[in-house]
Amino acid sequence: MHTTIEARHYMHRILALFALLFVAFTLSPAPASADPADIDAAARGVVRVIVIGHDGEEIFPVSHGTGFAVGGARVVTNAHVVQEAMDDDRLDIGVVPAEGDQAVYARVVSVSPRNDLALLELTEPLGLPPLTIAGNPPQSGAVTAVGYPLNVDRAQGLGQSDIFRAQPPVTATGFLSGRRPSREFDTILHTAPIARGNSGGPLLDDCGRVIGVNSFGTESAGSDAEFFFAISTRELLPFLRANDVQPRINSLTCRSLADLEEEEIARAEAQARAEADRAEREAEALAQQTAEARRTITYEVLDSRTNGMALSLFMLIVALGAGGVAAFGHMQRDMRLRAIGGAAALVAILCALIAWVSRPAFAEIDERVQEALREGAVDEGPSGTIATPEPTASAAASLTCVLDTDRSRVVGDPAEDLDIEWSGDGCINGRTQYGLTSGRWTRVFVPANEAAVSVNRFDPEAGELVMERYLLDLAAMRQARAARGQFVAPECGADEAASLDLASNQGAIINALPQRPNERLVYRCGPAMGAGEE
């Protein structure tokens, strides 16, 4: 009896374990498509917002929260983060970036206590990369909270002076749990842990785009699950626009570069299969055309040979008749009749020889078939329609390049259409010379006021412009700028050697970049509207 009870108990535990595994497997969220570099890039636009007190010439932190750049020298945070400074004129607001050695003061531009949002303006620009806001936020999936939680500062033993030094923000991951109104404004419920100090920091999707502004959390008692609230973009976007901030918005689906590259491989394989099928169809059509041409030409040659042989035989008969007339004239001693008959016989024999020699040989069949196929290839395509050459961008042209969203990974807010002037010798818009590398014209851009390196590649034969953007940290940008400073890019119209030198010099920058870019924009380029029209 005791053994039976233990066996049943053991079986129940096994069944329960299998049930838990089944539930965990079926209810677990789908794998995230995030590239860690996207979160890191967004985190460089996140700042610590400090309410500062004064003791004589000394300053000290009274409290702090988090904020993030939305453009220019503007930073978004929670209203409750700066409320104490607004209530007390003796307190100031400071902003400390995630990297660098400069911290600046800020002033409140606008505050909205209703939805707990505040907009700050820095007294000096820090060159912060503005975060992109998701125009179509996900309803489920993984999210990342970025900020400066106070409990982490304490755990690391940071003192008051450390608060004023640049520190990378803390990232915490979780999942969306839904959207619900709270405190009379729209919020997002999620499980990415936040604490005091995270207030005002961004809640990001897998592509590093803002889907909310972290504000507060639930109070967990005992074994209750802990949830956190972020102010949704439905509240954030109107607040920014009301204060003349034009945010960077991206409404495209978030996809990883790995997924995109798999799609490119699948697309290339499909194109290869389609090309093979087309080649096979063309080969079959050519074989059919060859067979039909050979059959027709063979009949023509046989007819010509038959006609030639018949003509030759007929002329021989005529020659025999004429010879008989000549012989009769000779017997009758009629010199005139003999001369006429002899001349006619000679002409008939000559015509017979010409007809016999000029009849086509069987070897001409192959030559005529090849000639007929060549004429058909010039005049008609495989389908019998007039073949029209496709326009290419290899020569000088005015082009319109349209963003191919199916082949692109878009993190920021790029232009969907670009109009360019291509000179054919590697110059775009009459001012930017590209270098020729492996059949593609390439130019690397290292701006002085943006933490990003762009590698643009243009394939004039394919009519394809690819822009890859690498969002780099301060140290990597310094390295890229130093490498860029080692050479002078040639002006438009440079000779081929200068273009090759440019491609070689740019290689030092490209080789130092990460393996994958944060953003890849693929543009399809064709003749601009109205180009070539009179």
Protein backbone atom coordinates (compact mmCIF):
# COMPACT_ATOMS: atom_id res chain seq x y z
CA MET A 1 0.00 0.00 0.00
CA HIS A 2 2.73 2.46 1.02
CA THR A 3 4.73 1.67 -2.11
CA THR A 4 1.67 2.25 -4.33
CA ILE A 5 1.00 5.66 -2.76
CA GLU A 6 4.64 6.72 -3.26
CA ALA A 7 4.51 5.58 -6.90
CA ARG A 8 1.33 7.55 -7.52
CA HIS A 9 2.85 10.59 -5.83
CA TYR A 10 5.96 10.25 -7.98
CA MET A 11 3.86 9.99 -11.14
CA HIS A 12 1.86 13.07 -10.17
CA ARG A 13 5.09 15.05 -9.71
CA ILE A 14 6.32 13.94 -13.14
CA LEU A 15 3.02 14.90 -14.76
CA ALA A 16 3.09 18.27 -13.01
CA LEU A 17 6.64 18.88 -14.22
CA PHE A 18 5.66 18.07 -17.80
CA ALA A 19 2.67 20.38 -17.50
CA LEU A 20 4.88 23.23 -16.28
CA LEU A 21 7.33 22.67 -19.12
CA PHE A 22 4.48 22.62 -21.63
CA VAL A 23 3.05 25.88 -20.29
CA ALA A 24 6.47 27.52 -20.22
CA PHE A 25 7.15 26.44 -23.78
CA THR A 26 3.80 27.51 -25.19
CA LEU A 27 3.48 30.79 -23.29
CA SER A 28 7.09 31.98 -23.42
CA PRO A 29 7.58 35.10 -25.55
CA ALA A 30 9.05 34.79 -29.03
CA PRO A 31 12.79 35.29 -29.28
CA ALA A 32 13.78 38.94 -29.44
CA SER A 33 15.13 40.29 -32.70
CA ALA A 34 17.19 42.94 -30.97
CA ASP A 35 20.73 43.81 -31.88
CA PRO A 36 22.51 44.76 -28.63
CA ALA A 37 24.27 47.55 -30.50
CA ASP A 38 20.91 49.28 -31.00
CA ILE A 39 20.25 49.44 -27.27
CA ASP A 40 23.81 50.65 -26.67
CA ALA A 41 23.40 53.34 -29.32
CA ALA A 42 20.13 54.55 -27.82
CA ALA A 43 21.67 54.52 -24.33
CA ARG A 44 24.25 57.10 -25.45
CA GLY A 45 21.39 59.58 -25.78
CA VAL A 46 20.23 58.91 -22.19
CA VAL A 47 21.29 61.32 -19.43
CA ARG A 48 21.17 61.59 -15.67
CA VAL A 49 18.98 64.50 -14.56
CA ILE A 50 20.09 65.88 -11.18
CA VAL A 51 18.39 68.33 -8.87
CA ILE A 52 21.35 70.26 -7.47
CA GLY A 53 21.69 71.99 -4.10
CA HIS A 54 24.35 74.54 -3.12
CA ASP A 55 26.42 74.90 0.00
CA GLY A 56 28.46 77.97 -0.69
CA GLU A 57 30.56 77.14 -3.74
CA GLU A 58 30.02 73.45 -3.22
CA ILE A 59 27.23 71.61 -5.04
CA PHE A 60 25.56 68.39 -4.04
CA PRO A 61 22.81 66.17 -5.49
CA VAL A 62 19.43 66.47 -3.84
CA SER A 63 17.77 63.86 -6.04
CA HIS A 64 18.12 62.53 -9.53
CA GLY A 65 16.22 60.86 -12.34
CA THR A 66 16.78 60.06 -15.98
CA GLY A 67 16.09 61.77 -19.28
CA PHE A 68 16.80 61.29 -22.98
CA ALA A 69 17.59 63.52 -25.95
CA VAL A 70 14.83 64.26 -28.44
CA GLY A 71 16.68 66.69 -30.70
CA GLY A 72 19.06 69.61 -30.51
CA ALA A 73 19.64 70.54 -26.88
CA ARG A 74 16.23 69.27 -25.73
CA VAL A 75 15.80 66.47 -23.18
CA VAL A 76 12.61 64.74 -21.98
CA THR A 77 12.11 63.55 -18.40
CA ASN A 78 9.31 63.12 -15.85
CA ALA A 79 7.67 66.15 -14.32
CA HIS A 80 8.13 64.73 -10.83
CA VAL A 81 11.92 64.47 -11.41
CA VAL A 82 12.29 68.27 -11.68
CA GLN A 83 9.32 69.32 -9.55
CA GLU A 84 11.48 69.96 -6.48
CA ALA A 85 13.72 72.34 -8.43
CA MET A 86 10.68 74.14 -9.81
CA ASP A 87 9.30 74.63 -6.31
CA ASP A 88 12.57 75.93 -4.85
CA ASP A 89 14.52 78.71 -6.57
CA ARG A 90 17.65 77.74 -4.66
CA LEU A 91 17.87 74.45 -6.52
CA ASP A 92 19.18 73.95 -10.05
CA ILE A 93 18.89 71.21 -12.63
CA GLY A 94 21.96 69.49 -14.03
CA VAL A 95 22.37 67.00 -16.85
CA VAL A 96 25.19 64.45 -16.99
CA PRO A 97 25.66 62.50 -20.26
CA ALA A 98 26.44 58.80 -20.52
CA GLU A 99 29.94 59.48 -21.86
CA GLY A 100 32.34 62.36 -22.11
CA ASP A 101 33.69 64.71 -19.48
CA GLN A 102 31.15 67.52 -19.57
CA ALA A 103 28.04 68.09 -17.46
CA VAL A 104 25.80 71.12 -17.98
CA TYR A 105 22.92 72.94 -16.38
CA ALA A 106 19.42 72.84 -17.85
CA ARG A 107 16.24 74.87 -17.60
CA VAL A 108 12.64 73.73 -17.74
CA VAL A 109 11.01 74.60 -21.07
CA SER A 110 7.66 73.00 -20.39
CA VAL A 111 6.09 70.77 -17.79
CA SER A 112 2.87 68.75 -17.90
CA PRO A 113 1.95 67.45 -14.43
CA ARG A 114 -1.15 65.75 -15.85
CA ASN A 115 0.88 63.15 -17.72
CA ASP A 116 4.12 63.57 -15.76
CA LEU A 117 6.24 64.92 -18.62
CA ALA A 118 8.81 67.70 -18.64
CA LEU A 119 10.98 69.17 -21.40
CA LEU A 120 14.41 70.56 -20.56
CA GLU A 121 16.81 72.66 -22.59
CA LEU A 122 20.55 72.40 -21.98
CA THR A 123 22.52 75.59 -21.39
CA GLU A 124 25.25 74.16 -23.64
CA PRO A 125 24.90 71.48 -26.35
CA LEU A 126 26.36 68.08 -25.52
CA GLY A 127 26.00 66.57 -28.98
CA LEU A 128 23.60 63.95 -27.67
CA PRO A 129 22.18 61.60 -30.30
CA PRO A 130 18.40 62.05 -30.32
CA LEU A 131 16.44 58.88 -29.72
CA THR A 132 13.99 57.68 -32.35
CA ILE A 133 10.38 57.25 -31.26
CA ALA A 134 8.38 54.25 -32.46
CA GLY A 135 5.48 55.46 -34.59
CA ASN A 136 3.80 52.07 -34.37
CA PRO A 137 4.74 50.70 -30.91
CA PRO A 138 4.53 46.92 -30.44
CA GLN A 139 1.68 45.49 -28.40
CA SER A 140 3.76 42.62 -27.06
CA GLY A 141 7.32 41.37 -26.92
CA ALA A 142 10.60 42.25 -25.23
CA VAL A 143 11.39 45.75 -23.98
CA THR A 144 14.39 47.42 -22.34
CA ALA A 145 14.33 50.07 -19.64
CA VAL A 146 17.34 52.42 -19.61
CA GLY A 147 18.19 54.73 -16.75
CA TYR A 148 20.08 55.47 -13.55
CA PRO A 149 18.47 53.50 -10.69
CA LEU A 150 19.54 54.73 -7.28
CA ASN A 151 19.89 51.23 -5.85
CA VAL A 152 22.56 50.39 -8.44
CA ASP A 153 24.49 53.57 -7.53
CA ARG A 154 24.40 52.57 -3.89
CA ALA A 155 25.40 48.98 -4.66
CA GLN A 156 28.41 50.27 -6.58
CA GLY A 157 29.35 52.57 -3.75
CA LEU A 158 29.05 55.77 -5.79
CA GLY A 159 29.46 58.93 -3.76
CA GLN A 160 28.07 62.42 -4.33
CA SER A 161 30.93 63.46 -6.59
CA ASP A 162 30.49 60.32 -8.69
CA ILE A 163 26.94 61.32 -9.52
CA PHE A 164 28.28 64.29 -11.48
CA ARG A 165 30.62 62.12 -13.58
CA ALA A 166 29.59 60.45 -16.83
CA GLN A 167 28.39 56.91 -16.22
CA PRO A 168 26.78 54.51 -18.68
CA PRO A 169 23.11 53.96 -17.84
CA VAL A 170 21.76 50.65 -16.60
CA THR A 171 19.66 48.53 -18.94
CA ALA A 172 17.03 46.10 -17.70
CA THR A 173 14.92 43.82 -19.88
CA GLY A 174 11.38 42.59 -19.54
CA PHE A 175 8.19 42.19 -21.54
CA LEU A 176 5.16 44.25 -22.38
CA SER A 177 2.09 43.42 -20.34
CA GLY A 178 -0.46 45.72 -21.94
CA ARG A 179 -1.68 49.29 -22.23
CA ARG A 180 -4.03 50.88 -19.77
CA PRO A 181 -4.98 54.40 -18.63
CA SER A 182 -3.53 55.40 -15.29
CA ARG A 183 -3.78 58.67 -13.41
CA GLU A 184 -5.84 60.04 -16.29
CA PHE A 185 -3.18 59.43 -18.94
CA ASP A 186 -2.18 56.57 -21.22
CA THR A 187 0.47 54.23 -19.89
CA ILE A 188 2.24 51.00 -20.85
CA LEU A 189 2.48 48.16 -18.37
CA HIS A 190 5.73 46.16 -18.50
CA THR A 191 8.05 43.98 -16.45
CA ALA A 192 11.46 45.57 -17.17
CA PRO A 193 12.67 46.42 -13.62
CA ILE A 194 12.98 50.11 -12.76
CA ALA A 195 13.69 51.81 -9.45
CA ARG A 196 14.05 55.31 -8.02
CA GLY A 197 16.28 57.19 -10.45
CA ASN A 198 14.87 55.45 -13.53
CA SER A 199 12.03 57.97 -13.71
CA GLY A 200 12.08 59.84 -17.02
CA GLY A 201 14.19 57.23 -18.80
CA PRO A 202 13.12 55.60 -22.06
CA LEU A 203 11.44 52.25 -22.52
CA LEU A 204 12.84 50.81 -25.76
CA ASP A 205 11.80 48.20 -28.27
CA ASP A 206 14.27 45.74 -29.78
CA CYS A 207 15.49 48.31 -32.31
CA GLY A 208 16.28 50.90 -29.64
CA ARG A 209 13.21 53.03 -30.39
CA VAL A 210 11.29 54.77 -27.63
CA ILE A 211 7.88 53.28 -26.92
CA GLY A 212 7.38 54.96 -23.54
CA VAL A 213 8.81 57.11 -20.74
CA ASN A 214 9.29 55.18 -17.50
CA SER A 215 7.43 56.81 -14.63
CA PHE A 216 6.51 54.58 -11.67
CA GLY A 217 6.05 51.00 -10.49
CA THR A 218 3.67 48.94 -8.43
CA GLU A 219 4.26 48.14 -4.80
CA SER A 220 5.01 44.44 -4.50
CA ALA A 221 3.89 42.71 -1.33
CA GLY A 222 5.02 39.18 -0.61
CA SER A 223 4.82 37.01 -3.70
CA ASP A 224 2.85 39.50 -5.81
CA ALA A 225 4.29 40.09 -9.28
CA GLU A 226 5.92 43.47 -9.79
CA PHE A 227 4.87 45.66 -12.73
CA PHE A 228 6.05 49.03 -13.97
CA PHE A 229 4.44 51.87 -15.87
CA ALA A 230 5.72 53.98 -18.74
CA ILE A 231 4.00 56.98 -20.29
CA SER A 232 3.01 55.96 -23.80
CA THR A 233 3.96 57.72 -27.02
CA ARG A 234 0.31 58.75 -27.33
CA GLU A 235 1.10 61.20 -24.55
CA LEU A 236 4.73 61.91 -25.47
CA LEU A 237 4.35 62.87 -29.14
CA PRO A 238 1.64 65.55 -28.66
CA PHE A 239 3.67 66.97 -25.76
CA LEU A 240 6.78 67.30 -27.94
CA ARG A 241 4.93 68.78 -30.89
CA ALA A 242 3.19 71.28 -28.65
CA ASN A 243 6.65 72.50 -27.67
CA ASP A 244 8.00 72.81 -31.23
CA VAL A 245 10.05 69.61 -31.09
CA GLN A 246 10.00 67.59 -34.30
CA PRO A 247 10.87 64.11 -33.04
CA ARG A 248 12.47 61.37 -35.08
CA ILE A 249 9.70 58.84 -35.74
CA ASN A 250 9.96 55.38 -37.24
CA SER A 251 6.83 53.31 -37.91
CA LEU A 252 8.46 50.35 -39.68
CA THR A 253 8.57 46.85 -38.27
CA CYS A 254 11.59 46.15 -36.08
CA ARG A 255 13.76 43.48 -37.69
CA SER A 256 17.25 42.26 -36.88
CA LEU A 257 20.05 42.39 -39.42
CA ALA A 258 20.40 38.63 -39.08
CA ASP A 259 16.79 38.18 -40.22
CA LEU A 260 17.35 40.70 -43.01
CA GLU A 261 20.47 38.90 -44.22
CA GLU A 262 18.62 35.56 -44.20
CA GLU A 263 15.95 37.17 -46.36
CA GLU A 264 18.65 38.51 -48.69
CA ILE A 265 20.13 35.02 -49.03
CA ALA A 266 16.68 33.58 -49.73
CA ARG A 267 16.01 36.36 -52.24
CA ALA A 268 19.35 35.74 -53.97
CA GLU A 269 18.63 32.01 -54.13
CA ALA A 270 15.17 32.70 -55.55
CA GLN A 271 16.69 35.04 -58.14
CA ALA A 272 19.29 32.41 -59.03
CA ARG A 273 16.54 29.80 -59.45
CA ALA A 274 14.50 32.23 -61.54
CA GLU A 275 17.57 32.99 -63.65
CA ALA A 276 18.26 29.29 -64.11
CA ASP A 277 14.63 28.69 -65.08
CA ARG A 278 14.76 31.60 -67.50
CA ALA A 279 18.02 30.33 -69.00
CA GLU A 280 16.49 26.86 -69.34
CA ARG A 281 13.39 28.28 -71.02
CA GLU A 282 15.53 30.37 -73.35
CA ALA A 283 17.68 27.32 -74.14
CA GLU A 284 14.55 25.30 -74.93
CA ALA A 285 13.19 28.16 -77.04
CA LEU A 286 16.51 28.46 -78.84
CA ALA A 287 16.61 24.72 -79.46
CA GLN A 288 13.07 24.86 -80.83
CA GLN A 289 13.92 27.85 -83.01
CA THR A 290 17.08 26.08 -84.22
CA ALA A 291 15.12 22.93 -85.07
CA GLU A 292 12.44 24.90 -86.91
CA ALA A 293 15.05 26.97 -88.76
CA ARG A 294 17.03 23.84 -89.68
CA ARG A 295 13.92 22.09 -90.96
CA THR A 296 12.87 25.08 -93.06
CA ILE A 297 16.35 25.74 -94.40
CA THR A 298 16.90 22.05 -95.16
CA TYR A 299 13.73 22.03 -97.27
CA GLU A 300 14.89 25.22 -99.00
CA VAL A 301 18.34 23.72 -99.73
CA LEU A 302 16.82 20.49 -101.01
CA ASP A 303 14.45 22.46 -103.23
CA SER A 304 17.30 24.58 -104.52
CA ARG A 305 19.46 21.52 -105.20
CA THR A 306 16.56 19.76 -106.96
CA ASN A 307 15.81 22.83 -109.05
CA GLY A 308 19.49 23.22 -109.91
CA MET A 309 19.83 19.61 -110.93
CA ALA A 310 16.61 19.79 -112.99
CA LEU A 311 17.79 22.96 -114.70
CA SER A 312 21.16 21.41 -115.38
CA LEU A 313 19.51 18.32 -116.89
CA PHE A 314 17.19 20.47 -118.99
CA MET A 315 20.08 22.53 -120.30
CA LEU A 316 21.97 19.36 -121.18
CA ILE A 317 18.95 18.20 -123.16
CA VAL A 318 18.86 21.59 -124.88
CA ALA A 319 22.57 21.28 -125.57
CA LEU A 320 22.03 17.85 -127.15
CA GLY A 321 19.26 19.25 -129.32
CA ALA A 322 21.38 22.21 -130.34
CA GLY A 323 24.29 19.85 -131.07
CA GLY A 324 22.00 17.82 -133.33
CA VAL A 325 21.02 20.98 -135.22
CA ALA A 326 24.71 21.86 -135.60
CA ALA A 327 25.46 18.35 -136.91
CA PHE A 328 22.57 18.56 -139.38
CA GLY A 329 23.84 21.92 -140.65
CA HIS A 330 27.32 20.45 -141.05
CA MET A 331 25.91 17.55 -143.09
CA GLN A 332 23.94 19.98 -145.28
CA ARG A 333 26.97 22.23 -145.54
CA ASP A 334 24.85 25.01 -144.07
CA MET A 335 27.47 27.02 -142.22
CA ARG A 336 24.91 29.39 -140.72
CA LEU A 337 22.77 26.61 -139.25
CA ARG A 338 25.89 24.83 -137.95
CA ALA A 339 27.11 28.02 -136.25
CA ILE A 340 23.75 28.72 -134.62
CA GLY A 341 23.37 25.15 -133.40
CA GLY A 342 26.93 25.02 -132.10
CA ALA A 343 26.62 28.32 -130.27
CA ALA A 344 23.33 27.24 -128.71
CA ALA A 345 24.87 23.95 -127.63
CA LEU A 346 27.83 25.72 -125.99
CA VAL A 347 25.54 28.16 -124.15
CA ALA A 348 23.30 25.34 -122.97
CA ILE A 349 26.29 23.34 -121.72
CA LEU A 350 27.63 26.42 -119.91
CA CYS A 351 24.23 27.03 -118.30
CA ALA A 352 24.05 23.40 -117.25
CA LEU A 353 27.46 23.67 -115.61
CA ILE A 354 26.48 26.88 -113.83
CA ALA A 355 23.20 25.37 -112.61
CA TRP A 356 25.04 22.30 -111.34
CA VAL A 357 27.86 24.20 -109.62
CA SER A 358 25.66 26.92 -108.10
CA ARG A 359 23.24 24.53 -106.42
CA PRO A 360 23.67 24.89 -102.58
CA ALA A 361 25.77 22.34 -100.74
CA PHE A 362 24.48 20.54 -97.68
CA ALA A 363 27.20 22.26 -95.60
CA GLU A 364 25.38 25.58 -96.14
CA ILE A 365 22.51 24.39 -93.96
CA ASP A 366 24.41 25.02 -90.70
CA GLU A 367 25.64 28.41 -91.90
CA ARG A 368 22.15 29.52 -92.90
CA VAL A 369 20.74 28.32 -89.57
CA GLN A 370 23.29 30.36 -87.58
CA GLU A 371 22.67 33.41 -89.75
CA ALA A 372 18.91 33.11 -89.30
CA LEU A 373 19.32 32.80 -85.51
CA ARG A 374 21.59 35.85 -85.40
CA GLU A 375 19.09 37.92 -87.35
CA GLY A 376 16.29 36.72 -85.07
CA ALA A 377 18.30 37.63 -81.92
CA VAL A 378 18.79 41.18 -83.19
CA ASP A 379 15.23 41.69 -84.36
CA GLU A 380 13.25 39.82 -81.72
CA GLY A 381 13.53 38.42 -78.22
CA PRO A 382 12.73 34.85 -77.22
CA SER A 383 9.02 35.65 -77.00
CA GLY A 384 8.91 37.26 -80.43
CA THR A 385 8.46 40.79 -79.04
CA ILE A 386 10.83 43.62 -79.82
CA ALA A 387 13.60 43.63 -77.22
CA THR A 388 14.05 47.00 -75.47
CA PRO A 389 17.25 47.58 -73.47
CA GLU A 390 16.71 48.45 -69.82
CA PRO A 391 18.04 51.87 -68.76
CA THR A 392 21.04 51.81 -66.46
CA ALA A 393 22.67 54.40 -64.22
CA SER A 394 26.20 53.69 -65.41
CA ALA A 395 26.30 56.89 -67.47
CA ALA A 396 25.67 60.43 -66.30
CA ALA A 397 22.05 60.71 -65.22
CA SER A 398 19.51 62.35 -62.97
CA LEU A 399 18.20 59.62 -60.67
CA THR A 400 15.47 59.18 -58.12
CA CYS A 401 16.31 56.62 -55.43
CA VAL A 402 13.39 55.09 -53.52
CA LEU A 403 13.83 53.33 -50.17
CA ASP A 404 13.17 49.60 -50.41
CA THR A 405 11.69 48.95 -46.96
CA ASP A 406 11.53 45.19 -47.54
CA ARG A 407 15.32 45.03 -47.82
CA SER A 408 16.18 47.73 -45.29
CA ARG A 409 16.69 47.87 -41.56
CA VAL A 410 15.64 51.32 -40.46
CA VAL A 411 16.44 52.52 -36.95
CA GLY A 412 16.14 56.28 -37.41
CA ASP A 413 13.94 58.44 -39.61
CA PRO A 414 15.52 58.48 -43.08
CA ALA A 415 14.34 60.12 -46.29
CA GLU A 416 12.21 57.74 -48.32
CA ASP A 417 13.15 59.35 -51.67
CA LEU A 418 16.49 60.80 -52.75
CA ASP A 419 17.21 62.75 -55.93
CA ILE A 420 20.82 62.48 -57.04
CA GLU A 421 22.92 63.60 -59.99
CA TRP A 422 25.29 60.82 -61.06
CA SER A 423 28.20 61.85 -63.27
CA GLY A 424 29.32 58.37 -64.32
CA ASP A 425 32.86 58.90 -63.01
CA GLY A 426 32.01 58.50 -59.33
CA CYS A 427 30.68 61.96 -58.51
CA ILE A 428 27.30 62.51 -56.85
CA ASN A 429 25.50 65.85 -56.91
CA GLY A 430 28.55 67.54 -58.36
CA ARG A 431 30.36 67.75 -55.04
CA THR A 432 31.03 64.30 -53.54
CA GLN A 433 33.56 62.00 -55.18
CA TYR A 434 33.24 58.26 -54.51
CA GLY A 435 36.05 55.70 -54.71
CA LEU A 436 35.79 52.58 -56.86
CA THR A 437 36.05 49.28 -54.96
CA SER A 438 35.10 45.86 -56.40
CA GLY A 439 32.73 47.34 -58.95
CA ARG A 440 30.96 49.58 -56.45
CA TRP A 441 31.51 53.25 -55.82
CA THR A 442 32.03 53.81 -52.08
CA ARG A 443 32.24 56.84 -49.83
CA VAL A 444 32.68 56.88 -46.04
CA PHE A 445 31.25 59.82 -44.09
CA VAL A 446 32.60 60.67 -40.64
CA PRO A 447 30.71 63.75 -39.39
CA ALA A 448 32.18 66.02 -36.75
CA ASN A 449 28.89 66.63 -34.93
CA GLU A 450 27.18 63.24 -35.00
CA ALA A 451 28.12 59.95 -33.32
CA ALA A 452 27.68 57.89 -36.47
CA VAL A 453 29.76 56.71 -39.42
CA SER A 454 28.01 56.13 -42.75
CA VAL A 455 29.31 53.90 -45.52
CA ASN A 456 27.52 54.60 -48.80
CA ARG A 457 27.88 52.23 -51.75
CA PHE A 458 26.47 52.84 -55.21
CA ASP A 459 26.25 50.21 -57.95
CA PRO A 460 25.43 52.09 -61.17
CA GLU A 461 24.82 48.94 -63.22
CA ALA A 462 22.26 47.57 -60.75
CA GLY A 463 20.90 51.04 -59.92
CA GLU A 464 21.30 50.36 -56.19
CA LEU A 465 22.40 52.73 -53.43
CA VAL A 466 23.11 51.17 -50.02
CA MET A 467 23.70 53.28 -46.93
CA GLU A 468 24.99 51.57 -43.79
CA ARG A 469 25.13 53.58 -40.57
CA TYR A 470 27.22 52.62 -37.55
CA LEU A 471 26.17 54.29 -34.27
CA LEU A 472 29.43 54.45 -32.33
CA ASP A 473 30.53 55.43 -28.85
CA LEU A 474 32.80 58.38 -28.12
CA ALA A 475 36.06 56.42 -28.27
CA ALA A 476 35.19 54.73 -31.57
CA MET A 477 34.14 58.06 -33.09
CA ARG A 478 37.43 59.63 -32.06
CA GLN A 479 39.29 56.77 -33.73
CA ALA A 480 37.22 57.10 -36.90
CA ARG A 481 37.76 60.87 -37.04
CA ALA A 482 41.50 60.40 -36.56
CA ALA A 483 41.60 57.92 -39.45
CA ARG A 484 39.54 60.27 -41.62
CA GLY A 485 41.94 63.10 -40.88
CA GLN A 486 44.81 61.14 -42.41
CA PHE A 487 43.73 61.82 -46.00
CA VAL A 488 42.04 64.41 -48.17
CA ALA A 489 39.21 63.20 -50.37
CA PRO A 490 39.60 64.17 -54.06
CA GLU A 491 37.24 66.61 -55.64
CA CYS A 492 34.75 65.64 -58.31
CA GLY A 493 36.32 64.98 -61.67
CA ALA A 494 39.45 63.40 -60.19
CA ASP A 495 41.30 60.87 -62.30
CA GLU A 496 40.97 57.12 -61.83
CA ALA A 497 44.10 56.90 -59.67
CA ALA A 498 42.68 59.42 -57.20
CA SER A 499 39.46 57.41 -56.95
CA LEU A 500 41.42 54.23 -56.25
CA ASP A 501 43.48 56.06 -53.59
CA LEU A 502 40.26 57.25 -51.94
CA ALA A 503 38.93 53.68 -51.82
CA SER A 504 42.19 52.48 -50.27
CA ASN A 505 42.29 55.28 -47.66
CA GLN A 506 38.69 54.65 -46.65
CA GLY A 507 39.52 51.01 -46.00
CA ALA A 508 41.25 51.94 -42.74
CA ILE A 509 37.99 53.39 -41.42
CA ILE A 510 35.83 50.54 -42.68
CA ASN A 511 38.09 47.88 -41.19
CA ALA A 512 37.77 49.47 -37.73
CA LEU A 513 33.96 49.47 -37.79
CA PRO A 514 31.83 46.80 -36.05
CA GLN A 515 30.97 43.68 -38.00
CA ARG A 516 27.39 44.82 -38.57
CA PRO A 517 25.86 48.28 -38.93
CA ASN A 518 22.95 49.49 -36.85
CA GLU A 519 21.05 50.64 -39.91
CA ARG A 520 21.03 49.49 -43.53
CA LEU A 521 19.09 51.51 -46.09
CA VAL A 522 18.68 50.03 -49.56
CA TYR A 523 17.54 52.43 -52.30
CA ARG A 524 16.47 51.43 -55.82
CA CYS A 525 17.55 54.12 -58.29
CA GLY A 526 16.08 54.88 -61.69
CA PRO A 527 15.70 57.83 -64.06
CA ALA A 528 14.18 60.83 -62.34
CA MET A 529 10.68 61.91 -63.35
CA GLY A 530 10.96 64.06 -66.45
CA ALA A 531 14.62 63.21 -67.02
CA GLY A 532 15.45 63.15 -70.69
CA GLU A 533 12.15 64.81 -71.69
CA GLU A 534 12.17 67.91 -73.88
